[in-house]
Amino acid sequence: MADQNVEEQNVDNDAVEPGKGGDIVDVVKDGQAAGDDGKRAQHAQAVRIVDFPATRVAAMEHRGDPRLLGETIARFIAWRKAQGLPPRLAATYNIAWTDPARTPPADYRMDLCVVTGRELPEDGSGMVAKTIPAGRCAVLRHIGSDDLLGLSAQRLIGDWLPASGEP
């Protein structure tokens, strides 16, 4: 299956919000701590700039209402398990093409991606081969609940990026 080149980048390791240009949002869940509200607490790290290498991925494209993203995530996880690509062996990147706060639900787009150099099986899963292009990217590590991922993305895209002087 031929690769699709991902022209816009906005990537993380669990979930992500849209950004400007080719910024990568690296959002990782590990070392989670329980918060007072019963949710896992977020521990945001400092933003850093990296040279991200071109990365071949298998992507499941979510199109439509973001409230249905959980169903797409469940199919993505099941496919990863069936292919033997757990997060500890194959990085996860989610590419948010649109902002759910500013996009009509029917037009919402997000790609759920896993790094792999394998040919993709014709298994009816909807997985497609893509390449995330190389580029200079801002990275913010998120540790905590998926419920708080939007706050980390907002911190990077809404606060840090405009104040950074980065293009």
Foldseek 3Di string as FASTA:
>chain_A
DDAAADLEAAKEQPDAFDAPGRAYEHEDADPWDADPVRFTDKDKDDKDKDWFAKFKKWKAKDAFAPVCVVVVVVLVVVVCVVVVNDCVRWTKMKGWPHGNVPDHRRGGIMIIITTDPDDDDPPPSRIHMYIHHTDIYMYMYIYTDPVCNHVSNCCVRVPCVVVPPDD
